[in-house]
Amino acid sequence: VPAEKLQRYEEFVDKRLKPDLVHAIAERDKVFEQQKTFSDLRKNIENLEKNSVTSLRTLVNLGSEVYMQADVPDTQRIFVDIGLGFHVEFTWSEALNFISQREERLARYTLFLL
């Protein structure tokens, strides 16, 4: 009888817990990637503000690692991906406020995942 119980526990671990763990790790990795993206965006905006950059020339990824040179005549307003394919035009301060809120929400979600 103990061997049967042990086998049932092993099946439960293999069929339920391990797949759940794989899913949780994938979710956690997505959240960490989003946190890094928002952190990088915040740093870039802060650098633009600190250096009083009003225009710039940059490379834009068109997809499949194909890049195109782009001129940004006015950096005072930026578009931020807010999710579900929607982008919102923000001033730097509005974007920083939005980023802070998202970072807080992602941090709480990360605690939920752990």
Protein backbone atom coordinates (compact mmCIF):
# COMPACT_ATOMS: atom_id res chain seq x y z
CA VAL A 1 0.00 0.00 0.00
CA PRO A 2 2.77 2.56 0.73
CA ALA A 3 4.22 1.91 -2.75
CA GLU A 4 0.84 2.80 -4.30
CA LYS A 5 0.67 6.05 -2.33
CA LEU A 6 4.21 6.91 -3.32
CA GLN A 7 3.38 6.27 -6.97
CA ARG A 8 0.27 8.50 -6.75
CA TYR A 9 2.35 11.28 -5.18
CA GLU A 10 4.98 10.96 -7.90
CA GLU A 11 2.28 11.08 -10.59
CA PHE A 12 0.77 14.18 -8.96
CA VAL A 13 4.18 15.85 -8.91
CA ASP A 14 4.91 14.91 -12.52
CA LYS A 15 1.48 15.65 -14.00
CA ARG A 16 0.42 18.66 -11.95
CA LEU A 17 3.17 20.36 -9.99
CA LYS A 18 5.97 20.27 -12.55
CA PRO A 19 3.83 21.73 -15.39
CA ASP A 20 2.54 24.40 -12.96
CA LEU A 21 6.13 25.25 -12.04
CA VAL A 22 7.15 25.54 -15.70
CA HIS A 23 4.18 27.87 -16.32
CA ALA A 24 4.98 29.98 -13.23
CA ILE A 25 8.63 30.34 -14.26
CA ALA A 26 7.57 31.44 -17.77
CA GLU A 27 5.17 34.01 -16.27
CA ARG A 28 7.88 35.26 -13.93
CA ASP A 29 10.34 35.62 -16.82
CA LYS A 30 7.78 37.66 -18.79
CA VAL A 31 7.29 39.97 -15.81
CA PHE A 32 11.06 40.37 -15.37
CA GLU A 33 11.38 41.26 -19.07
CA GLN A 34 8.64 43.88 -18.72
CA GLN A 35 10.35 45.29 -15.63
CA LYS A 36 13.61 45.58 -17.55
CA THR A 37 11.87 47.28 -20.48
CA PHE A 38 10.24 49.88 -18.24
CA SER A 39 13.46 50.41 -16.30
CA ASP A 40 15.37 51.00 -19.56
CA LEU A 41 12.70 53.41 -20.79
CA ARG A 42 12.81 55.35 -17.51
CA LYS A 43 16.62 55.62 -17.73
CA ASN A 44 16.43 56.79 -21.35
CA ILE A 45 13.85 59.48 -20.53
CA GLU A 46 15.90 60.63 -17.54
CA ASN A 47 19.00 60.86 -19.77
CA LEU A 48 17.07 62.89 -22.36
CA GLU A 49 15.91 65.26 -19.61
CA LYS A 50 19.34 65.50 -17.97
CA ASN A 51 21.06 66.29 -21.26
CA SER A 52 18.24 68.55 -22.52
CA VAL A 53 17.96 66.56 -25.75
CA THR A 54 15.26 68.08 -27.97
CA SER A 55 15.95 66.10 -31.15
CA LEU A 56 17.91 63.01 -32.09
CA ARG A 57 18.83 60.55 -34.79
CA THR A 58 18.38 56.86 -34.03
CA LEU A 59 18.01 53.41 -35.56
CA VAL A 60 14.57 51.80 -35.55
CA ASN A 61 14.10 48.03 -35.74
CA LEU A 62 11.62 47.34 -38.56
CA GLY A 63 11.48 43.64 -37.68
CA SER A 64 13.67 40.62 -38.36
CA GLU A 65 16.65 42.68 -37.22
CA VAL A 66 16.27 45.10 -40.16
CA TYR A 67 17.01 48.67 -39.06
CA MET A 68 16.29 52.07 -40.53
CA GLN A 69 17.71 55.43 -39.58
CA ALA A 70 15.11 57.82 -38.15
CA ASP A 71 15.19 61.51 -37.25
CA VAL A 72 13.17 62.58 -34.22
CA PRO A 73 12.69 66.34 -34.53
CA ASP A 74 10.93 66.74 -31.15
CA THR A 75 11.67 64.40 -28.27
CA GLN A 76 9.42 66.22 -25.79
CA ARG A 77 6.56 63.74 -26.37
CA ILE A 78 6.90 59.98 -26.69
CA PHE A 79 4.60 57.06 -27.41
CA VAL A 80 4.53 54.31 -24.79
CA ASP A 81 3.12 50.83 -25.31
CA ILE A 82 0.48 50.49 -22.57
CA GLY A 83 -0.49 46.95 -23.53
CA LEU A 84 -2.88 45.11 -25.83
CA GLY A 85 -1.29 46.84 -28.83
CA PHE A 86 -2.22 50.36 -27.68
CA HIS A 87 0.25 53.24 -27.54
CA VAL A 88 -0.31 56.52 -25.73
CA GLU A 89 1.45 59.80 -26.38
CA PHE A 90 3.01 61.14 -23.16
CA THR A 91 5.17 64.03 -22.09
CA TRP A 92 8.33 62.93 -20.31
CA SER A 93 6.83 63.56 -16.87
CA GLU A 94 3.60 61.74 -17.78
CA ALA A 95 5.61 58.80 -19.10
CA LEU A 96 7.74 58.67 -15.94
CA ASN A 97 4.58 58.69 -13.81
CA PHE A 98 3.04 55.88 -15.90
CA ILE A 99 6.28 53.88 -15.72
CA SER A 100 6.39 54.22 -11.92
CA GLN A 101 2.83 52.95 -11.64
CA ARG A 102 3.54 50.00 -13.94
CA GLU A 103 6.75 49.14 -12.09
CA GLU A 104 4.83 49.10 -8.78
CA ARG A 105 2.12 46.88 -10.27
CA LEU A 106 4.71 44.50 -11.75
CA ALA A 107 6.55 44.33 -8.41
CA ARG A 108 3.30 43.36 -6.63
CA TYR A 109 2.56 40.77 -9.33
CA THR A 110 6.07 39.33 -8.93
CA LEU A 111 5.39 38.83 -5.21
CA PHE A 112 2.18 37.02 -6.14
CA LEU A 113 4.11 34.69 -8.47
CA LEU A 114 6.65 33.80 -5.79
